[in-house]
Amino acid sequence: MSDVKKIRIAQVGVGYWGPNLLRNLMANKNCEVKAVVDLSKERQAFVKSVYPSVLVTDDIDSVLNDVDAVVIATPVNTHHDIVVKALLTGKHVFVEKPVATTTKDMQHVTSLSDGLVVMAGHTFLYNAAVRYIKNMIDSGEIGDIRYIYCQRLNLGRIRSDVNALWNLAPHDVSIVQYWLDEARPSSVTYHGMAYIQEGIDDVAFLTMEYPNGILVNIHVGWLDPHKTRRVVVVGSKKMVVYDDVAENKVAIHDKGIDKVSSLGEDMDYDGDVFEFDNRSGDIVIPKIDWKEPLRVEVEHFIDCIQNGTKCLSGIGHATGVVEILERGNRT
């Protein structure tokens, strides 16, 4: 069997999250990091000290001709322009979330992406716990989903380029959209408040209602005393808690309220009187094989380029997330 050609990559941005991406790209045997681009002399020096074989520059135009793909981990307000530059030169793109902050810009990116992979860094779709719950939902084990609520809170890190909604909520919107098969909410409402910086909300509440009656609430912020990364799914059969900071990340609760006929049957007869059975069964902690989600994400990006695999967090999924956030901002 002939060797598969390595994908040549340039990474743009090695700030807060960029070093994690770079580490996984360097470790992937199917890609070759040809260059790293960053405007900061300090970040350039960091890359040179850790990866001396990699070309480091502040000029993206100087490296585009020598690569197959561009990985972008820069401030959110720069994403769209860099993505467009890469696509116009025929490069595949991996960009940290969100790809852009308007559906108009997302449509522009889509129009340029024919034949190219455009992948958003919605890392939680590559998280084994999130995928485990997805399988539970698809198999019917949870029953009909009634509502979902998400909490992504901490004290800091405060951003100045985006508010708490655009910084933190894309994670949970992405997870929910993945679980609900990319359904489009019938309504989106948003409430936020700026306490530290004028015009930049520090706390945000996003509520989505779906046509099938599923209600979703997302609470994000960087002014909370506790680091919380929790999602609760309440179904008609079971309830599931996904806690990303816990050792056991998934807990399945065999709990619920069942409406039972006074005749002892779960059927609705005209004129019948119903009782409500509070069902409380076991709590199950499933064994989930863990692999760093970012590593899985990078592997998927390379696979999409080399083998034409459909991208799980591709432009369609990314556009749906941006649309929901944008609709929320209008309320």
Protein backbone atom coordinates (compact mmCIF):
# COMPACT_ATOMS: atom_id res chain seq x y z
CA MET A 1 0.00 0.00 0.00
CA SER A 2 1.43 3.39 -1.01
CA ASP A 3 2.01 6.05 1.59
CA VAL A 4 -0.73 8.65 1.96
CA LYS A 5 0.49 12.13 1.17
CA LYS A 6 0.84 14.25 4.29
CA ILE A 7 -1.29 17.37 4.49
CA ARG A 8 0.91 20.46 4.65
CA ILE A 9 -0.43 22.96 7.17
CA ALA A 10 0.11 26.56 8.20
CA GLN A 11 -1.28 27.58 11.58
CA VAL A 12 -2.28 31.21 12.08
CA GLY A 13 -2.35 32.30 15.72
CA VAL A 14 -0.72 30.69 18.77
CA GLY A 15 -2.29 32.67 21.60
CA TYR A 16 -4.50 31.19 24.32
CA TRP A 17 -5.80 28.09 22.50
CA GLY A 18 -3.36 27.93 19.61
CA PRO A 19 -0.59 25.99 21.43
CA ASN A 20 -3.01 23.11 22.08
CA LEU A 21 -3.89 22.95 18.40
CA LEU A 22 -0.25 23.14 17.38
CA ARG A 23 0.71 20.34 19.76
CA ASN A 24 -1.89 18.02 18.22
CA LEU A 25 -1.00 18.98 14.67
CA MET A 26 2.66 18.27 15.34
CA ALA A 27 1.76 14.86 16.79
CA ASN A 28 -0.42 13.82 13.85
CA LYS A 29 1.50 11.53 11.49
CA ASN A 30 -0.70 12.46 8.52
CA CYS A 31 0.10 16.15 8.50
CA GLU A 32 3.17 18.36 8.38
CA VAL A 33 3.21 21.79 9.98
CA LYS A 34 5.14 23.90 7.49
CA ALA A 35 4.71 27.30 9.14
CA VAL A 36 3.24 29.19 12.06
CA VAL A 37 2.03 32.77 11.63
CA ASP A 38 1.67 35.19 14.52
CA LEU A 39 2.09 38.96 14.84
CA SER A 40 3.47 38.74 18.38
CA LYS A 41 7.24 38.48 18.72
CA GLU A 42 6.74 36.80 22.08
CA ARG A 43 4.52 34.07 20.58
CA GLN A 44 6.93 33.63 17.68
CA ALA A 45 9.75 33.08 20.17
CA PHE A 46 7.63 30.52 22.03
CA VAL A 47 7.05 28.47 18.88
CA LYS A 48 10.73 28.64 17.90
CA SER A 49 11.76 27.40 21.34
CA VAL A 50 9.38 24.43 21.33
CA TYR A 51 9.36 23.54 17.62
CA PRO A 52 12.66 24.79 16.14
CA SER A 53 12.07 23.01 12.82
CA VAL A 54 8.91 25.01 12.02
CA LEU A 55 9.09 28.21 9.99
CA VAL A 56 7.76 31.16 12.03
CA THR A 57 6.62 34.40 10.42
CA ASP A 58 4.20 37.31 10.75
CA ASP A 59 3.22 37.23 7.05
CA ILE A 60 0.47 34.82 6.08
CA ASP A 61 0.81 35.62 2.37
CA SER A 62 4.37 34.31 2.38
CA VAL A 63 3.34 30.78 3.35
CA LEU A 64 0.05 30.14 1.54
CA ASN A 65 1.67 28.80 -1.63
CA ASP A 66 3.49 26.08 0.31
CA VAL A 67 0.55 24.48 2.17
CA ASP A 68 -2.65 22.52 1.57
CA ALA A 69 -4.59 23.76 4.58
CA VAL A 70 -4.73 26.63 7.04
CA VAL A 71 -5.58 26.30 10.74
CA ILE A 72 -6.82 29.53 12.32
CA ALA A 73 -6.74 30.33 16.05
CA THR A 74 -6.88 34.13 16.06
CA PRO A 75 -9.30 36.62 17.68
CA VAL A 76 -12.91 36.13 16.58
CA ASN A 77 -13.15 39.42 14.68
CA THR A 78 -10.35 38.28 12.34
CA HIS A 79 -11.75 34.84 11.48
CA HIS A 80 -13.85 35.74 8.45
CA ASP A 81 -11.16 37.68 6.61
CA ILE A 82 -8.48 35.03 7.15
CA VAL A 83 -10.85 32.22 6.14
CA VAL A 84 -11.74 34.07 2.93
CA LYS A 85 -8.06 34.68 2.14
CA ALA A 86 -7.30 30.98 2.58
CA LEU A 87 -10.27 29.80 0.51
CA LEU A 88 -9.49 32.19 -2.34
CA THR A 89 -6.08 30.52 -2.62
CA GLY A 90 -7.65 27.06 -2.68
CA LYS A 91 -6.75 25.99 0.86
CA HIS A 92 -8.78 23.80 3.20
CA VAL A 93 -9.59 25.58 6.45
CA PHE A 94 -9.94 24.69 10.11
CA VAL A 95 -11.00 27.71 12.16
CA GLU A 96 -11.79 28.06 15.83
CA LYS A 97 -15.40 28.86 16.66
CA PRO A 98 -17.21 30.89 15.59
CA VAL A 99 -16.19 31.01 11.93
CA ALA A 100 -17.89 34.43 11.68
CA THR A 101 -20.39 36.46 13.69
CA THR A 102 -23.11 36.99 11.05
CA THR A 103 -25.03 34.65 8.79
CA LYS A 104 -24.20 36.98 5.90
CA ASP A 105 -20.49 36.31 6.44
CA MET A 106 -21.19 32.59 6.84
CA GLN A 107 -23.00 32.59 3.50
CA HIS A 108 -19.99 34.32 1.95
CA VAL A 109 -17.70 31.59 3.30
CA THR A 110 -20.07 28.90 2.04
CA SER A 111 -20.04 30.41 -1.45
CA LEU A 112 -16.24 30.07 -1.57
CA SER A 113 -15.99 26.57 -0.09
CA ASP A 114 -16.96 24.38 -3.04
CA GLY A 115 -14.60 21.40 -3.12
CA LEU A 116 -12.79 22.53 0.02
CA VAL A 117 -13.11 21.47 3.65
CA VAL A 118 -14.22 24.27 5.97
CA MET A 119 -14.28 22.95 9.52
CA ALA A 120 -15.22 24.88 12.65
CA GLY A 121 -13.49 24.12 15.94
CA HIS A 122 -16.57 22.92 17.80
CA THR A 123 -14.42 20.62 19.91
CA PHE A 124 -17.21 19.16 22.03
CA LEU A 125 -18.59 17.24 19.05
CA TYR A 126 -15.40 15.16 19.33
CA ASN A 127 -15.82 14.59 23.06
CA ALA A 128 -16.52 10.95 23.95
CA ALA A 129 -19.07 11.90 26.64
CA VAL A 130 -21.05 14.11 24.23
CA ARG A 131 -21.04 11.33 21.64
CA TYR A 132 -22.14 8.78 24.24
CA ILE A 133 -25.21 10.89 25.06
CA LYS A 134 -25.92 11.37 21.36
CA ASN A 135 -26.08 7.58 20.98
CA MET A 136 -28.45 7.39 23.96
CA ILE A 137 -30.75 9.97 22.39
CA ASP A 138 -30.71 8.32 18.97
CA SER A 139 -31.41 4.86 20.44
CA GLY A 140 -34.46 6.12 22.36
CA GLU A 141 -32.98 5.20 25.74
CA ILE A 142 -33.74 8.65 27.17
CA GLY A 143 -37.22 8.72 25.64
CA ASP A 144 -38.68 11.93 24.30
CA ILE A 145 -36.49 14.89 25.22
CA ARG A 146 -38.47 17.40 27.24
CA TYR A 147 -35.89 20.04 27.99
CA ILE A 148 -32.16 20.68 28.21
CA TYR A 149 -30.30 23.22 30.28
CA CYS A 150 -26.62 24.14 30.07
CA GLN A 151 -24.34 26.05 32.44
CA ARG A 152 -20.88 27.23 31.38
CA LEU A 153 -19.61 29.53 34.13
CA ASN A 154 -16.41 30.67 35.80
CA LEU A 155 -14.74 33.65 37.47
CA GLY A 156 -12.77 35.00 34.45
CA ARG A 157 -11.31 34.75 31.79
CA ILE A 158 -12.83 38.11 30.76
CA ARG A 159 -12.75 38.90 27.05
CA SER A 160 -12.83 42.30 25.39
CA ASP A 161 -13.24 41.20 21.75
CA VAL A 162 -16.51 39.29 22.27
CA ASN A 163 -19.17 39.08 24.97
CA ALA A 164 -19.91 36.04 27.11
CA LEU A 165 -22.56 34.84 24.68
CA TRP A 166 -20.24 34.67 21.66
CA ASN A 167 -17.30 33.46 23.75
CA LEU A 168 -18.96 30.60 25.64
CA ALA A 169 -22.40 29.78 24.24
CA PRO A 170 -21.17 28.45 20.86
CA HIS A 171 -20.00 25.33 22.72
CA ASP A 172 -23.44 24.54 24.13
CA VAL A 173 -25.39 25.59 21.04
CA SER A 174 -23.15 23.26 19.03
CA ILE A 175 -23.73 20.36 21.44
CA VAL A 176 -27.50 20.86 21.45
CA GLN A 177 -27.69 21.15 17.65
CA TYR A 178 -25.65 17.95 17.32
CA TRP A 179 -27.92 16.08 19.73
CA LEU A 180 -31.09 17.38 18.06
CA ASP A 181 -29.97 16.55 14.49
CA GLU A 182 -29.48 20.21 13.51
CA ALA A 183 -33.13 21.14 14.11
CA ARG A 184 -33.90 24.84 13.69
CA PRO A 185 -35.40 26.50 16.79
CA SER A 186 -38.80 28.10 16.28
CA SER A 187 -37.83 30.89 18.69
CA VAL A 188 -34.64 32.25 20.25
CA THR A 189 -34.56 34.79 23.09
CA TYR A 190 -31.60 36.38 24.82
CA HIS A 191 -31.01 38.30 28.02
CA GLY A 192 -27.58 39.58 29.03
CA MET A 193 -25.97 42.24 31.18
CA ALA A 194 -22.66 44.11 31.08
CA TYR A 195 -21.12 44.81 34.49
CA ILE A 196 -17.36 45.11 33.88
CA GLN A 197 -17.04 46.61 30.39
CA GLU A 198 -19.65 48.81 28.75
CA GLY A 199 -21.39 47.05 25.90
CA ILE A 200 -19.82 43.63 26.56
CA ASP A 201 -22.20 41.31 28.41
CA ASP A 202 -20.55 39.36 31.23
CA VAL A 203 -23.54 37.09 31.79
CA ALA A 204 -25.97 35.72 29.23
CA PHE A 205 -29.12 33.59 29.16
CA LEU A 206 -30.11 32.12 25.80
CA THR A 207 -33.40 30.25 25.44
CA MET A 208 -34.40 28.20 22.40
CA GLU A 209 -37.74 26.55 21.75
CA TYR A 210 -37.98 23.84 19.12
CA PRO A 211 -41.07 22.90 17.05
CA ASN A 212 -41.39 19.52 18.81
CA GLY A 213 -41.74 21.20 22.21
CA ILE A 214 -38.15 20.82 23.39
CA LEU A 215 -37.03 23.77 25.49
CA VAL A 216 -33.33 24.63 25.86
CA ASN A 217 -31.77 27.18 28.21
CA ILE A 218 -28.09 28.15 28.11
CA HIS A 219 -26.53 30.15 30.95
CA VAL A 220 -23.00 31.42 30.38
CA GLY A 221 -20.80 33.96 32.12
CA TRP A 222 -17.43 34.84 33.59
CA LEU A 223 -18.62 36.39 36.88
CA ASP A 224 -19.56 33.23 38.76
CA PRO A 225 -17.89 31.86 41.92
CA HIS A 226 -17.80 28.29 40.61
CA LYS A 227 -16.32 26.73 37.50
CA THR A 228 -19.30 24.93 36.01
CA ARG A 229 -19.47 22.98 32.77
CA ARG A 230 -22.74 21.05 33.03
CA VAL A 231 -25.54 20.00 30.71
CA VAL A 232 -28.71 18.26 31.91
CA VAL A 233 -31.00 16.40 29.53
CA VAL A 234 -34.48 15.59 30.86
CA GLY A 235 -36.26 12.86 28.94
CA SER A 236 -39.52 11.02 29.37
CA LYS A 237 -37.70 7.79 30.31
CA LYS A 238 -34.40 8.91 31.81
CA MET A 239 -32.40 12.00 32.72
CA VAL A 240 -28.73 12.51 31.95
CA VAL A 241 -26.18 14.81 33.56
CA TYR A 242 -23.03 15.64 31.60
CA ASP A 243 -20.47 17.34 33.86
CA ASP A 244 -17.28 18.13 31.99
CA VAL A 245 -15.29 19.04 35.13
CA ALA A 246 -16.24 15.87 37.03
CA GLU A 247 -14.20 12.68 37.07
CA ASN A 248 -17.25 10.71 35.95
CA LYS A 249 -18.54 12.92 33.18
CA VAL A 250 -21.87 11.19 32.51
CA ALA A 251 -24.48 10.12 35.06
CA ILE A 252 -27.70 8.46 33.89
CA HIS A 253 -30.67 8.85 36.26
CA ASP A 254 -33.55 6.41 35.92
CA LYS A 255 -35.99 9.04 37.15
CA GLY A 256 -39.19 10.61 35.93
CA ILE A 257 -42.82 11.43 36.45
CA ASP A 258 -45.22 8.99 34.80
CA LYS A 259 -48.92 9.71 34.29
CA VAL A 260 -50.79 6.54 35.22
CA SER A 261 -54.48 5.82 34.78
CA SER A 262 -56.41 5.14 37.96
CA LEU A 263 -57.35 1.88 36.22
CA GLY A 264 -53.68 0.94 36.40
CA GLU A 265 -52.86 1.43 32.73
CA ASP A 266 -50.72 4.05 30.99
CA MET A 267 -53.59 5.00 28.67
CA ASP A 268 -55.72 8.11 28.38
CA TYR A 269 -59.42 7.22 28.63
CA ASP A 270 -62.04 9.96 28.36
CA GLY A 271 -63.22 10.91 31.80
CA ASP A 272 -60.58 8.83 33.52
CA VAL A 273 -58.70 10.12 36.56
CA PHE A 274 -54.92 10.03 36.48
CA GLU A 275 -52.31 9.67 39.13
CA PHE A 276 -48.66 10.70 38.88
CA ASP A 277 -46.03 8.14 39.65
CA ASN A 278 -42.70 9.53 40.87
CA ARG A 279 -40.25 7.01 39.46
CA SER A 280 -36.79 6.96 41.06
CA GLY A 281 -34.47 4.17 40.00
CA ASP A 282 -30.74 3.61 39.76
CA ILE A 283 -28.04 6.11 38.87
CA VAL A 284 -25.65 4.58 36.33
CA ILE A 285 -22.13 5.86 35.69
CA PRO A 286 -21.12 4.43 32.30
CA LYS A 287 -17.52 3.62 31.43
CA ILE A 288 -16.48 5.91 28.60
CA ASP A 289 -13.20 5.39 26.77
CA TRP A 290 -11.48 8.78 26.82
CA LYS A 291 -9.39 10.36 24.11
CA GLU A 292 -8.42 14.02 23.95
CA PRO A 293 -11.23 15.68 21.92
CA LEU A 294 -8.81 18.06 20.21
CA ARG A 295 -6.76 15.13 19.00
CA VAL A 296 -9.90 13.47 17.59
CA GLU A 297 -10.89 16.78 16.00
CA VAL A 298 -7.53 17.20 14.25
CA GLU A 299 -7.65 13.59 13.04
CA HIS A 300 -11.12 14.21 11.62
CA PHE A 301 -9.98 17.35 9.77
CA ILE A 302 -7.14 15.45 8.11
CA ASP A 303 -9.46 12.54 7.29
CA CYS A 304 -11.97 14.90 5.66
CA ILE A 305 -9.23 16.28 3.40
CA GLN A 306 -7.58 12.97 2.54
CA ASN A 307 -10.65 10.76 2.20
CA GLY A 308 -13.57 13.09 1.54
CA THR A 309 -15.26 12.16 4.81
CA LYS A 310 -18.26 14.35 5.63
CA CYS A 311 -17.23 16.95 8.19
CA LEU A 312 -19.11 16.69 11.48
CA SER A 313 -18.54 20.36 12.33
CA GLY A 314 -18.52 21.60 8.76
CA ILE A 315 -19.89 24.80 7.30
CA GLY A 316 -23.53 23.68 7.63
CA HIS A 317 -23.27 22.99 11.35
CA ALA A 318 -21.20 26.13 11.93
CA THR A 319 -23.74 28.28 10.10
CA GLY A 320 -26.58 26.89 12.21
CA VAL A 321 -24.73 27.82 15.40
CA VAL A 322 -24.02 31.37 14.20
CA GLU A 323 -27.63 31.82 13.08
CA ILE A 324 -28.93 30.92 16.55
CA LEU A 325 -26.50 33.27 18.29
CA GLU A 326 -27.32 36.05 15.85
CA ARG A 327 -31.07 35.57 16.35
CA GLY A 328 -30.50 35.78 20.08
CA ASN A 329 -28.58 39.01 19.78
CA ARG A 330 -31.54 40.60 17.95
CA THR A 331 -33.95 40.03 20.86
